[in-house]
Amino acid sequence: MQTEAFLSGEFTPIESVGEGITRQILGFNDQIMMVKVWFEEGAQGYLHSHIHSQVTYIESGEFEVTVGKETRTLVAGDCFFMEPYAEHGAVCKRAGVLIDVFSPHREDFLEADKA
């Protein structure tokens, strides 16, 4: 399973995934997935962990990000990386957008998209 070679953001579905958070699943195959996530001010990506490696780029906004036992404030142009099973989360301090890349792809995101 994988996406087409070219995707138009205009026609790619956007789904609500929590209070003040929406996401758009972009290109993926079995090995990798990119997801665009919009956060309203105050929205939280609660502390969690998963089997995937993840790197996140802050496209816009301001986020208080925790990875493991360390917390930092990050802004547009910054990024953070999580090894598999690393506990992590983010609190949006100023509305913004994150670009998440996962390896392997997030099967749970695809299952939620079908529901």
N, C-alpha and C. Protein backbone atom coordinates (compact mmCIF):
# COMPACT_ATOMS: atom_id res chain seq x y z
N MET A 1 0.84 -1.17 0.00
CA MET A 1 0.00 0.00 0.00
C MET A 1 0.89 1.24 0.00
N GLN A 2 0.54 2.21 -0.85
CA GLN A 2 1.27 3.46 -0.88
C GLN A 2 0.45 4.50 -1.61
N THR A 3 0.86 5.76 -1.46
CA THR A 3 0.16 6.84 -2.14
C THR A 3 0.67 6.99 -3.56
N GLU A 4 -0.03 7.80 -4.32
CA GLU A 4 0.42 8.15 -5.66
C GLU A 4 1.71 8.96 -5.56
N ALA A 5 2.42 9.11 -6.68
CA ALA A 5 3.67 9.86 -6.69
C ALA A 5 3.44 11.34 -6.39
N PHE A 6 2.31 11.90 -6.82
CA PHE A 6 2.01 13.31 -6.61
C PHE A 6 0.70 13.44 -5.86
N LEU A 7 0.70 14.32 -4.85
CA LEU A 7 -0.51 14.57 -4.06
C LEU A 7 -0.79 16.06 -4.06
N SER A 8 -2.04 16.43 -4.16
CA SER A 8 -2.44 17.82 -4.05
C SER A 8 -3.03 18.04 -2.67
N GLY A 9 -2.44 18.95 -1.91
CA GLY A 9 -2.96 19.25 -0.58
C GLY A 9 -4.41 19.69 -0.62
N GLU A 10 -4.79 20.33 -1.71
CA GLU A 10 -6.16 20.81 -1.87
C GLU A 10 -7.18 19.67 -1.85
N PHE A 11 -6.78 18.50 -2.35
CA PHE A 11 -7.71 17.38 -2.47
C PHE A 11 -7.44 16.24 -1.51
N THR A 12 -6.41 16.37 -0.67
CA THR A 12 -6.09 15.34 0.31
C THR A 12 -6.89 15.60 1.58
N PRO A 13 -7.64 14.62 2.07
CA PRO A 13 -8.53 14.83 3.22
C PRO A 13 -7.79 15.33 4.46
N ILE A 14 -8.48 16.16 5.23
CA ILE A 14 -8.01 16.64 6.53
C ILE A 14 -9.02 16.15 7.56
N GLU A 15 -8.51 15.56 8.65
CA GLU A 15 -9.40 15.00 9.66
C GLU A 15 -9.12 15.59 11.04
N SER A 16 -10.16 15.71 11.84
CA SER A 16 -10.02 16.14 13.22
C SER A 16 -9.55 14.95 14.03
N VAL A 17 -8.53 15.14 14.87
CA VAL A 17 -8.00 14.03 15.66
C VAL A 17 -7.98 14.32 17.15
N GLY A 18 -8.55 15.43 17.54
CA GLY A 18 -8.58 15.78 18.95
C GLY A 18 -8.95 17.24 19.08
N GLU A 19 -9.13 17.66 20.30
CA GLU A 19 -9.53 19.03 20.56
C GLU A 19 -8.46 19.99 20.06
N GLY A 20 -8.80 20.73 19.00
CA GLY A 20 -7.89 21.74 18.47
C GLY A 20 -6.79 21.20 17.58
N ILE A 21 -6.91 19.94 17.15
CA ILE A 21 -5.87 19.33 16.31
C ILE A 21 -6.50 18.68 15.08
N THR A 22 -5.97 18.99 13.91
CA THR A 22 -6.38 18.33 12.67
C THR A 22 -5.13 17.85 11.95
N ARG A 23 -5.30 16.81 11.13
CA ARG A 23 -4.13 16.28 10.41
C ARG A 23 -4.49 15.89 8.99
N GLN A 24 -3.46 15.88 8.16
CA GLN A 24 -3.57 15.51 6.76
C GLN A 24 -2.46 14.50 6.48
N ILE A 25 -2.84 13.28 6.14
CA ILE A 25 -1.86 12.25 5.83
C ILE A 25 -1.38 12.48 4.40
N LEU A 26 -0.08 12.67 4.28
CA LEU A 26 0.49 12.94 2.96
C LEU A 26 1.11 11.65 2.42
N GLY A 27 2.22 11.71 1.75
CA GLY A 27 2.78 10.54 1.11
C GLY A 27 3.23 9.47 2.09
N PHE A 28 3.02 8.20 1.69
CA PHE A 28 3.48 7.09 2.52
C PHE A 28 3.60 5.81 1.70
N ASN A 29 4.45 4.93 2.20
CA ASN A 29 4.47 3.53 1.81
C ASN A 29 4.73 2.74 3.08
N ASP A 30 5.12 1.49 2.99
CA ASP A 30 5.32 0.69 4.20
C ASP A 30 6.45 1.22 5.09
N GLN A 31 7.45 1.88 4.49
CA GLN A 31 8.63 2.30 5.24
C GLN A 31 8.56 3.71 5.83
N ILE A 32 7.72 4.59 5.29
CA ILE A 32 7.76 5.99 5.70
C ILE A 32 6.39 6.65 5.52
N MET A 33 6.13 7.68 6.32
CA MET A 33 4.87 8.43 6.21
C MET A 33 5.12 9.88 6.62
N MET A 34 4.52 10.81 5.87
CA MET A 34 4.56 12.23 6.25
C MET A 34 3.14 12.69 6.56
N VAL A 35 3.02 13.46 7.65
CA VAL A 35 1.72 13.94 8.12
C VAL A 35 1.84 15.41 8.48
N LYS A 36 0.89 16.21 8.03
CA LYS A 36 0.83 17.64 8.38
C LYS A 36 -0.22 17.78 9.48
N VAL A 37 0.15 18.46 10.58
CA VAL A 37 -0.73 18.56 11.73
C VAL A 37 -0.89 20.03 12.14
N TRP A 38 -2.15 20.48 12.17
CA TRP A 38 -2.47 21.84 12.59
C TRP A 38 -2.88 21.82 14.05
N PHE A 39 -2.33 22.75 14.85
CA PHE A 39 -2.66 22.89 16.26
C PHE A 39 -3.22 24.28 16.52
N GLU A 40 -4.33 24.34 17.22
CA GLU A 40 -4.82 25.62 17.72
C GLU A 40 -4.06 25.92 19.01
N GLU A 41 -3.97 27.20 19.36
CA GLU A 41 -3.30 27.58 20.60
C GLU A 41 -3.93 26.84 21.78
N GLY A 42 -3.07 26.23 22.62
CA GLY A 42 -3.53 25.49 23.79
C GLY A 42 -3.76 24.02 23.55
N ALA A 43 -3.84 23.59 22.30
CA ALA A 43 -4.04 22.17 22.00
C ALA A 43 -2.82 21.36 22.45
N GLN A 44 -3.06 20.11 22.83
CA GLN A 44 -1.98 19.27 23.34
C GLN A 44 -1.88 17.95 22.60
N GLY A 45 -0.67 17.61 22.23
CA GLY A 45 -0.35 16.26 21.82
C GLY A 45 0.18 15.59 23.08
N TYR A 46 -0.69 14.88 23.79
CA TYR A 46 -0.35 14.34 25.11
C TYR A 46 0.84 13.39 25.05
N LEU A 47 1.56 13.27 26.16
CA LEU A 47 2.71 12.37 26.23
C LEU A 47 2.30 10.97 25.82
N HIS A 48 3.08 10.39 24.92
CA HIS A 48 2.81 9.04 24.44
C HIS A 48 4.11 8.47 23.85
N SER A 49 4.07 7.22 23.48
CA SER A 49 5.21 6.60 22.79
C SER A 49 4.65 5.59 21.79
N HIS A 50 5.49 5.21 20.83
CA HIS A 50 5.09 4.23 19.82
C HIS A 50 6.34 3.58 19.23
N ILE A 51 6.14 2.55 18.44
CA ILE A 51 7.26 1.77 17.89
C ILE A 51 8.01 2.51 16.78
N HIS A 52 7.49 3.61 16.31
CA HIS A 52 8.04 4.30 15.15
C HIS A 52 9.15 5.27 15.51
N SER A 53 10.14 5.40 14.64
CA SER A 53 11.04 6.55 14.69
C SER A 53 10.23 7.72 14.15
N GLN A 54 10.48 8.91 14.69
CA GLN A 54 9.73 10.08 14.25
C GLN A 54 10.63 11.31 14.28
N VAL A 55 10.53 12.12 13.24
CA VAL A 55 11.16 13.43 13.24
C VAL A 55 10.06 14.44 12.90
N THR A 56 10.05 15.56 13.62
CA THR A 56 9.01 16.56 13.44
C THR A 56 9.64 17.92 13.17
N TYR A 57 9.14 18.58 12.14
CA TYR A 57 9.59 19.92 11.75
C TYR A 57 8.50 20.91 12.13
N ILE A 58 8.88 22.00 12.79
CA ILE A 58 7.92 23.04 13.14
C ILE A 58 7.85 24.01 11.96
N GLU A 59 6.73 23.93 11.24
CA GLU A 59 6.53 24.82 10.08
C GLU A 59 6.15 26.22 10.54
N SER A 60 5.31 26.30 11.59
CA SER A 60 4.89 27.60 12.11
C SER A 60 4.42 27.43 13.54
N GLY A 61 4.30 28.53 14.27
CA GLY A 61 3.81 28.50 15.63
C GLY A 61 4.91 28.35 16.65
N GLU A 62 4.49 28.07 17.88
CA GLU A 62 5.41 27.86 19.00
C GLU A 62 4.89 26.70 19.83
N PHE A 63 5.78 25.77 20.17
CA PHE A 63 5.39 24.55 20.87
C PHE A 63 6.35 24.28 22.02
N GLU A 64 5.78 23.86 23.15
CA GLU A 64 6.57 23.36 24.26
C GLU A 64 6.63 21.85 24.08
N VAL A 65 7.81 21.35 23.73
CA VAL A 65 7.96 19.94 23.33
C VAL A 65 8.75 19.18 24.38
N THR A 66 8.25 18.00 24.72
CA THR A 66 8.95 17.11 25.65
C THR A 66 9.34 15.85 24.90
N VAL A 67 10.61 15.49 25.01
CA VAL A 67 11.11 14.20 24.51
C VAL A 67 11.88 13.59 25.66
N GLY A 68 11.42 12.43 26.12
CA GLY A 68 12.04 11.82 27.30
C GLY A 68 11.82 12.71 28.50
N LYS A 69 12.90 13.08 29.18
CA LYS A 69 12.80 13.91 30.39
C LYS A 69 13.12 15.38 30.10
N GLU A 70 13.33 15.74 28.84
CA GLU A 70 13.72 17.11 28.50
C GLU A 70 12.57 17.85 27.80
N THR A 71 12.37 19.11 28.18
CA THR A 71 11.34 19.94 27.57
C THR A 71 11.99 21.22 27.05
N ARG A 72 11.64 21.60 25.81
CA ARG A 72 12.15 22.83 25.20
C ARG A 72 11.04 23.54 24.46
N THR A 73 11.19 24.85 24.31
CA THR A 73 10.27 25.63 23.50
C THR A 73 10.86 25.72 22.10
N LEU A 74 10.07 25.32 21.09
CA LEU A 74 10.53 25.31 19.70
C LEU A 74 9.61 26.18 18.86
N VAL A 75 10.21 26.77 17.81
CA VAL A 75 9.48 27.66 16.91
C VAL A 75 9.76 27.27 15.46
N ALA A 76 9.13 28.00 14.54
CA ALA A 76 9.29 27.72 13.10
C ALA A 76 10.75 27.55 12.74
N GLY A 77 11.03 26.47 11.99
CA GLY A 77 12.39 26.17 11.55
C GLY A 77 13.11 25.18 12.44
N ASP A 78 12.60 24.92 13.65
CA ASP A 78 13.20 23.95 14.56
C ASP A 78 12.63 22.56 14.27
N CYS A 79 13.28 21.53 14.80
CA CYS A 79 12.74 20.17 14.70
C CYS A 79 13.15 19.36 15.91
N PHE A 80 12.50 18.21 16.06
CA PHE A 80 12.86 17.29 17.14
C PHE A 80 12.72 15.87 16.63
N PHE A 81 13.46 14.95 17.27
CA PHE A 81 13.55 13.56 16.83
C PHE A 81 13.24 12.63 17.99
N MET A 82 12.51 11.56 17.71
CA MET A 82 12.19 10.55 18.70
C MET A 82 12.62 9.17 18.19
N GLU A 83 13.40 8.50 19.01
CA GLU A 83 13.71 7.09 18.76
C GLU A 83 12.44 6.27 19.02
N PRO A 84 12.38 5.04 18.52
CA PRO A 84 11.23 4.19 18.85
C PRO A 84 11.05 4.10 20.37
N TYR A 85 9.81 4.15 20.80
CA TYR A 85 9.39 4.03 22.20
C TYR A 85 9.76 5.21 23.08
N ALA A 86 10.34 6.28 22.54
CA ALA A 86 10.65 7.47 23.35
C ALA A 86 9.34 8.19 23.69
N GLU A 87 9.14 8.48 24.96
CA GLU A 87 7.94 9.22 25.36
C GLU A 87 8.10 10.67 24.89
N HIS A 88 7.03 11.22 24.31
CA HIS A 88 7.09 12.58 23.78
C HIS A 88 5.69 13.19 23.71
N GLY A 89 5.65 14.51 23.65
CA GLY A 89 4.40 15.23 23.54
C GLY A 89 4.68 16.70 23.29
N ALA A 90 3.62 17.45 23.00
CA ALA A 90 3.78 18.88 22.70
C ALA A 90 2.55 19.64 23.15
N VAL A 91 2.77 20.86 23.64
CA VAL A 91 1.71 21.79 23.97
C VAL A 91 1.88 22.99 23.06
N CYS A 92 0.83 23.35 22.35
CA CYS A 92 0.90 24.47 21.42
C CYS A 92 0.72 25.79 22.17
N LYS A 93 1.75 26.62 22.15
CA LYS A 93 1.74 27.91 22.82
C LYS A 93 1.24 29.02 21.91
N ARG A 94 1.48 28.87 20.61
CA ARG A 94 0.99 29.80 19.59
C ARG A 94 0.60 28.96 18.38
N ALA A 95 -0.63 29.10 17.90
CA ALA A 95 -1.16 28.25 16.82
C ALA A 95 -0.11 28.00 15.74
N GLY A 96 -0.05 26.75 15.27
CA GLY A 96 0.96 26.43 14.29
C GLY A 96 0.76 25.08 13.63
N VAL A 97 1.76 24.73 12.84
CA VAL A 97 1.72 23.51 12.03
C VAL A 97 3.00 22.72 12.26
N LEU A 98 2.83 21.41 12.46
CA LEU A 98 3.94 20.48 12.55
C LEU A 98 3.92 19.56 11.34
N ILE A 99 5.09 19.19 10.86
CA ILE A 99 5.23 18.18 9.81
C ILE A 99 5.92 16.98 10.45
N ASP A 100 5.17 15.88 10.59
CA ASP A 100 5.68 14.65 11.19
C ASP A 100 6.09 13.66 10.11
N VAL A 101 7.24 13.01 10.31
CA VAL A 101 7.67 11.92 9.44
C VAL A 101 7.91 10.71 10.32
N PHE A 102 7.28 9.59 9.96
CA PHE A 102 7.36 8.35 10.72
C PHE A 102 7.98 7.24 9.89
N SER A 103 8.74 6.37 10.58
CA SER A 103 9.24 5.16 9.94
C SER A 103 9.12 4.03 10.95
N PRO A 104 8.46 2.92 10.58
CA PRO A 104 7.65 2.75 9.38
C PRO A 104 6.38 3.59 9.46
N HIS A 105 5.52 3.46 8.44
CA HIS A 105 4.28 4.25 8.43
C HIS A 105 3.40 3.90 9.63
N ARG A 106 2.48 4.80 9.96
CA ARG A 106 1.57 4.62 11.09
C ARG A 106 0.31 3.90 10.62
N GLU A 107 0.26 2.60 10.80
CA GLU A 107 -0.93 1.83 10.41
C GLU A 107 -2.16 2.34 11.14
N ASP A 108 -2.00 2.74 12.41
CA ASP A 108 -3.14 3.21 13.19
C ASP A 108 -3.75 4.47 12.58
N PHE A 109 -2.95 5.32 11.95
CA PHE A 109 -3.49 6.51 11.29
C PHE A 109 -4.34 6.11 10.09
N LEU A 110 -3.92 5.10 9.35
CA LEU A 110 -4.67 4.65 8.18
C LEU A 110 -5.96 3.97 8.61
N GLU A 111 -5.93 3.22 9.69
CA GLU A 111 -7.14 2.58 10.21
C GLU A 111 -8.13 3.62 10.68
N ALA A 112 -7.66 4.68 11.34
CA ALA A 112 -8.54 5.75 11.81
C ALA A 112 -9.16 6.47 10.64
N ASP A 113 -8.39 6.60 9.54
CA ASP A 113 -8.87 7.28 8.33
C ASP A 113 -10.02 6.52 7.70
N LYS A 114 -10.06 5.17 7.85
CA LYS A 114 -11.12 4.34 7.27
C LYS A 114 -12.39 4.38 8.10
N ALA A 115 -12.25 4.64 9.40
CA ALA A 115 -13.40 4.60 10.32
C ALA A 115 -14.39 5.71 10.07
